[in-house]
Amino acid sequence: MASDNMDFTVVSYNMHGFYQGHPLIDDLINTSNPEVFLLQEHWLTSANLYIFDSKFENYFSFGKSAMSRSVELGMLSGRPFGGVQIAISLSHTVNMSLLSSMVS
């Protein structure tokens, strides 16, 4: 019986801010083409999460900003913080379906 060798690469990465961290993601996509990214500390507001879709066009991404409450309270001040994002290669989205959606 023939053995199918299927590699599936998942990368977990603390971005220390989107603009500081995205060059490494670009490099990983060009060299390893991981199937999934688990990204922490992107520091983007909810209104700017679209940047993942425009920057990484071959990935379906979803996540959450940790700064939503701060934005609701008024003008941002101080250091940005938090946020998580999951990016999945579009080649795998044919095998996916949304089970539920949670809004908080």
N, C-alpha and C. Protein backbone atom coordinates (compact mmCIF):
# COMPACT_ATOMS: atom_id res chain seq x y z
N MET A 1 0.84 -1.17 0.00
CA MET A 1 0.00 0.00 0.00
C MET A 1 0.88 1.23 0.00
N ALA A 2 0.62 2.15 -0.90
CA ALA A 2 1.42 3.37 -1.03
C ALA A 2 1.11 4.32 0.13
N SER A 3 2.15 4.97 0.59
CA SER A 3 2.00 5.92 1.68
C SER A 3 1.92 7.34 1.12
N ASP A 4 0.89 8.06 1.51
CA ASP A 4 0.77 9.46 1.11
C ASP A 4 1.48 10.31 2.14
N ASN A 5 2.49 11.04 1.69
CA ASN A 5 3.22 11.93 2.59
C ASN A 5 2.62 13.31 2.47
N MET A 6 1.80 13.69 3.45
CA MET A 6 1.15 14.99 3.42
C MET A 6 1.66 15.82 4.59
N ASP A 7 2.37 16.89 4.26
CA ASP A 7 2.83 17.82 5.28
C ASP A 7 1.76 18.87 5.50
N PHE A 8 1.59 19.26 6.74
CA PHE A 8 0.64 20.31 7.11
C PHE A 8 1.36 21.20 8.11
N THR A 9 1.66 22.42 7.69
CA THR A 9 2.45 23.31 8.52
C THR A 9 1.58 24.37 9.18
N VAL A 10 1.71 24.47 10.51
CA VAL A 10 1.02 25.49 11.30
C VAL A 10 2.09 26.34 11.97
N VAL A 11 1.97 27.66 11.81
CA VAL A 11 2.93 28.59 12.41
C VAL A 11 2.20 29.42 13.46
N SER A 12 2.74 29.46 14.66
CA SER A 12 2.24 30.34 15.71
C SER A 12 3.29 31.43 15.90
N TYR A 13 2.83 32.69 15.89
CA TYR A 13 3.79 33.79 15.87
C TYR A 13 3.25 35.01 16.61
N ASN A 14 4.06 35.56 17.51
CA ASN A 14 3.75 36.82 18.19
C ASN A 14 4.31 37.93 17.32
N MET A 15 3.42 38.71 16.70
CA MET A 15 3.83 39.70 15.72
C MET A 15 4.47 40.95 16.33
N HIS A 16 4.22 41.23 17.59
CA HIS A 16 4.69 42.49 18.21
C HIS A 16 4.26 43.68 17.36
N GLY A 17 3.03 43.64 16.87
CA GLY A 17 2.49 44.68 16.00
C GLY A 17 2.49 44.21 14.55
N PHE A 18 1.39 44.48 13.84
CA PHE A 18 1.27 44.02 12.46
C PHE A 18 2.42 44.48 11.58
N TYR A 19 2.72 45.76 11.64
CA TYR A 19 3.72 46.31 10.71
C TYR A 19 5.14 45.85 11.04
N GLN A 20 5.38 45.47 12.29
CA GLN A 20 6.68 44.92 12.64
C GLN A 20 6.75 43.43 12.28
N GLY A 21 5.62 42.74 12.36
CA GLY A 21 5.63 41.29 12.18
C GLY A 21 5.34 40.77 10.79
N HIS A 22 4.69 41.56 9.94
CA HIS A 22 4.29 41.01 8.64
C HIS A 22 5.45 40.67 7.71
N PRO A 23 6.63 41.31 7.79
CA PRO A 23 7.72 40.87 6.90
C PRO A 23 8.12 39.40 7.10
N LEU A 24 8.10 38.93 8.34
CA LEU A 24 8.43 37.52 8.57
C LEU A 24 7.36 36.61 7.99
N ILE A 25 6.10 37.02 8.10
CA ILE A 25 5.03 36.22 7.51
C ILE A 25 5.20 36.15 5.99
N ASP A 26 5.50 37.29 5.37
CA ASP A 26 5.78 37.30 3.92
C ASP A 26 6.88 36.31 3.57
N ASP A 27 7.95 36.33 4.35
CA ASP A 27 9.08 35.44 4.10
C ASP A 27 8.67 33.97 4.26
N LEU A 28 7.91 33.67 5.31
CA LEU A 28 7.46 32.28 5.52
C LEU A 28 6.55 31.81 4.39
N ILE A 29 5.69 32.70 3.90
CA ILE A 29 4.82 32.33 2.78
C ILE A 29 5.65 32.02 1.54
N ASN A 30 6.67 32.82 1.29
CA ASN A 30 7.51 32.63 0.11
C ASN A 30 8.41 31.41 0.21
N THR A 31 8.82 31.03 1.43
CA THR A 31 9.75 29.90 1.58
C THR A 31 9.06 28.59 1.95
N SER A 32 8.07 28.64 2.85
CA SER A 32 7.46 27.42 3.37
C SER A 32 6.01 27.23 3.00
N ASN A 33 5.33 28.33 2.69
CA ASN A 33 3.91 28.32 2.36
C ASN A 33 3.08 27.53 3.38
N PRO A 34 3.09 27.95 4.65
CA PRO A 34 2.32 27.23 5.68
C PRO A 34 0.83 27.23 5.38
N GLU A 35 0.15 26.19 5.85
CA GLU A 35 -1.30 26.10 5.66
C GLU A 35 -2.05 27.01 6.63
N VAL A 36 -1.51 27.17 7.84
CA VAL A 36 -2.21 27.94 8.87
C VAL A 36 -1.23 28.82 9.64
N PHE A 37 -1.66 30.05 9.91
CA PHE A 37 -0.94 30.94 10.81
C PHE A 37 -1.83 31.21 12.02
N LEU A 38 -1.28 31.09 13.21
CA LEU A 38 -1.93 31.49 14.45
C LEU A 38 -1.16 32.71 14.95
N LEU A 39 -1.75 33.87 14.81
CA LEU A 39 -1.02 35.12 15.05
C LEU A 39 -1.53 35.82 16.30
N GLN A 40 -0.61 36.28 17.12
CA GLN A 40 -0.94 37.00 18.33
C GLN A 40 -0.32 38.39 18.29
N GLU A 41 -0.90 39.30 19.09
CA GLU A 41 -0.36 40.65 19.27
C GLU A 41 -0.19 41.42 17.96
N HIS A 42 -1.26 41.45 17.15
CA HIS A 42 -1.17 42.23 15.90
C HIS A 42 -1.41 43.72 16.14
N TRP A 43 -2.02 44.08 17.24
CA TRP A 43 -2.23 45.47 17.67
C TRP A 43 -3.15 46.27 16.77
N LEU A 44 -3.91 45.65 15.90
CA LEU A 44 -4.81 46.38 15.01
C LEU A 44 -6.16 46.60 15.68
N THR A 45 -6.82 47.69 15.34
CA THR A 45 -8.19 47.91 15.79
C THR A 45 -9.13 47.06 14.93
N SER A 46 -10.35 46.91 15.38
CA SER A 46 -11.33 46.13 14.61
C SER A 46 -11.51 46.69 13.20
N ALA A 47 -11.47 48.00 13.07
CA ALA A 47 -11.66 48.64 11.77
C ALA A 47 -10.51 48.36 10.81
N ASN A 48 -9.38 47.92 11.33
CA ASN A 48 -8.21 47.68 10.48
C ASN A 48 -7.90 46.20 10.25
N LEU A 49 -8.74 45.31 10.71
CA LEU A 49 -8.48 43.88 10.51
C LEU A 49 -8.50 43.48 9.04
N TYR A 50 -9.15 44.29 8.20
CA TYR A 50 -9.19 44.01 6.76
C TYR A 50 -7.78 43.97 6.15
N ILE A 51 -6.81 44.57 6.83
CA ILE A 51 -5.44 44.62 6.31
C ILE A 51 -4.89 43.22 6.11
N PHE A 52 -5.28 42.27 6.96
CA PHE A 52 -4.83 40.89 6.77
C PHE A 52 -5.28 40.36 5.41
N ASP A 53 -6.54 40.62 5.05
CA ASP A 53 -7.07 40.12 3.77
C ASP A 53 -6.38 40.78 2.58
N SER A 54 -6.08 42.07 2.69
CA SER A 54 -5.45 42.75 1.56
C SER A 54 -3.96 42.43 1.46
N LYS A 55 -3.31 42.17 2.58
CA LYS A 55 -1.87 41.87 2.57
C LYS A 55 -1.60 40.40 2.23
N PHE A 56 -2.42 39.50 2.75
CA PHE A 56 -2.21 38.06 2.55
C PHE A 56 -3.39 37.51 1.76
N GLU A 57 -3.40 37.78 0.46
CA GLU A 57 -4.53 37.47 -0.40
C GLU A 57 -4.80 35.98 -0.57
N ASN A 58 -3.82 35.14 -0.35
CA ASN A 58 -3.99 33.70 -0.52
C ASN A 58 -4.42 33.00 0.77
N TYR A 59 -4.86 33.78 1.76
CA TYR A 59 -5.28 33.25 3.04
C TYR A 59 -6.64 33.83 3.43
N PHE A 60 -7.45 32.98 4.03
CA PHE A 60 -8.71 33.41 4.63
C PHE A 60 -8.39 33.68 6.09
N SER A 61 -8.69 34.88 6.56
CA SER A 61 -8.33 35.19 7.94
C SER A 61 -9.53 35.66 8.74
N PHE A 62 -9.48 35.37 10.02
CA PHE A 62 -10.50 35.84 10.95
C PHE A 62 -9.83 35.99 12.32
N GLY A 63 -10.36 36.90 13.10
CA GLY A 63 -9.76 37.12 14.40
C GLY A 63 -10.46 38.22 15.16
N LYS A 64 -9.75 38.76 16.12
CA LYS A 64 -10.33 39.74 17.02
C LYS A 64 -9.28 40.76 17.43
N SER A 65 -9.74 41.99 17.55
CA SER A 65 -8.89 43.04 18.08
C SER A 65 -9.08 43.09 19.59
N ALA A 66 -8.02 43.30 20.32
CA ALA A 66 -8.11 43.47 21.77
C ALA A 66 -8.38 44.93 22.12
N MET A 67 -8.37 45.79 21.12
CA MET A 67 -8.48 47.22 21.38
C MET A 67 -9.89 47.76 21.13
N SER A 68 -10.86 46.90 20.89
CA SER A 68 -12.22 47.35 20.61
C SER A 68 -12.78 48.22 21.73
N ARG A 69 -12.61 47.80 22.94
CA ARG A 69 -13.13 48.56 24.08
C ARG A 69 -12.44 49.92 24.18
N SER A 70 -11.14 49.96 23.97
CA SER A 70 -10.40 51.23 24.03
C SER A 70 -10.89 52.20 22.97
N VAL A 71 -11.18 51.68 21.77
CA VAL A 71 -11.67 52.53 20.69
C VAL A 71 -13.05 53.08 21.03
N GLU A 72 -13.89 52.25 21.64
CA GLU A 72 -15.23 52.68 22.03
C GLU A 72 -15.20 53.82 23.04
N LEU A 73 -14.18 53.86 23.88
CA LEU A 73 -14.10 54.87 24.94
C LEU A 73 -13.62 56.23 24.45
N GLY A 74 -13.14 56.30 23.23
CA GLY A 74 -12.70 57.59 22.69
C GLY A 74 -11.38 57.48 21.97
N MET A 75 -10.68 58.61 21.88
CA MET A 75 -9.41 58.67 21.16
C MET A 75 -8.38 57.73 21.80
N LEU A 76 -7.69 57.01 20.93
CA LEU A 76 -6.66 56.09 21.42
C LEU A 76 -5.47 56.87 21.96
N SER A 77 -4.97 56.42 23.08
CA SER A 77 -3.74 56.99 23.62
C SER A 77 -2.94 55.86 24.23
N GLY A 78 -1.66 56.05 24.28
CA GLY A 78 -0.80 55.00 24.82
C GLY A 78 -0.41 53.98 23.78
N ARG A 79 0.13 52.90 24.25
CA ARG A 79 0.66 51.84 23.40
C ARG A 79 -0.45 50.92 22.93
N PRO A 80 -0.44 50.50 21.63
CA PRO A 80 -1.42 49.51 21.18
C PRO A 80 -1.13 48.15 21.82
N PHE A 81 -2.12 47.26 21.82
CA PHE A 81 -1.93 45.99 22.49
C PHE A 81 -2.85 44.92 21.90
N GLY A 82 -2.46 43.68 22.12
CA GLY A 82 -3.29 42.52 21.89
C GLY A 82 -3.73 42.22 20.47
N GLY A 83 -4.69 41.32 20.40
CA GLY A 83 -5.28 40.90 19.15
C GLY A 83 -4.80 39.53 18.70
N VAL A 84 -5.72 38.74 18.19
CA VAL A 84 -5.38 37.42 17.63
C VAL A 84 -5.99 37.29 16.24
N GLN A 85 -5.36 36.52 15.41
CA GLN A 85 -5.84 36.31 14.05
C GLN A 85 -5.44 34.91 13.62
N ILE A 86 -6.31 34.24 12.91
CA ILE A 86 -6.01 32.94 12.32
C ILE A 86 -6.12 33.11 10.81
N ALA A 87 -5.10 32.67 10.10
CA ALA A 87 -5.10 32.76 8.64
C ALA A 87 -4.92 31.35 8.08
N ILE A 88 -5.85 30.95 7.22
CA ILE A 88 -5.85 29.61 6.65
C ILE A 88 -5.71 29.71 5.13
N SER A 89 -4.80 28.94 4.58
CA SER A 89 -4.57 28.94 3.14
C SER A 89 -5.87 28.69 2.40
N LEU A 90 -6.12 29.48 1.35
CA LEU A 90 -7.34 29.33 0.57
C LEU A 90 -7.47 27.94 -0.04
N SER A 91 -6.35 27.24 -0.21
CA SER A 91 -6.41 25.89 -0.78
C SER A 91 -7.15 24.92 0.16
N HIS A 92 -7.32 25.30 1.42
CA HIS A 92 -8.01 24.44 2.39
C HIS A 92 -9.43 24.91 2.69
N THR A 93 -9.83 26.04 2.18
CA THR A 93 -11.16 26.55 2.52
C THR A 93 -12.29 25.74 1.88
N VAL A 94 -11.99 24.98 0.84
CA VAL A 94 -13.04 24.14 0.24
C VAL A 94 -13.48 23.06 1.22
N ASN A 95 -12.62 22.76 2.21
CA ASN A 95 -12.92 21.73 3.21
C ASN A 95 -13.50 22.31 4.49
N MET A 96 -13.80 23.61 4.48
CA MET A 96 -14.26 24.27 5.70
C MET A 96 -15.72 24.68 5.58
N SER A 97 -16.36 24.78 6.75
CA SER A 97 -17.69 25.38 6.82
C SER A 97 -17.83 26.07 8.17
N LEU A 98 -18.58 27.14 8.20
CA LEU A 98 -18.79 27.90 9.42
C LEU A 98 -19.82 27.18 10.26
N LEU A 99 -19.45 26.83 11.50
CA LEU A 99 -20.36 26.14 12.38
C LEU A 99 -21.21 27.09 13.20
N SER A 100 -20.60 28.15 13.69
CA SER A 100 -21.33 29.16 14.44
C SER A 100 -20.54 30.45 14.43
N SER A 101 -21.21 31.52 14.73
CA SER A 101 -20.56 32.82 14.79
C SER A 101 -20.88 33.45 16.13
N MET A 102 -19.85 33.90 16.82
CA MET A 102 -20.04 34.51 18.13
C MET A 102 -19.68 35.98 18.05
N VAL A 103 -20.52 36.82 18.55
CA VAL A 103 -20.27 38.25 18.58
C VAL A 103 -20.26 38.68 20.04
N SER A 104 -19.21 39.39 20.41
CA SER A 104 -19.15 39.88 21.79
C SER A 104 -18.92 41.36 21.84
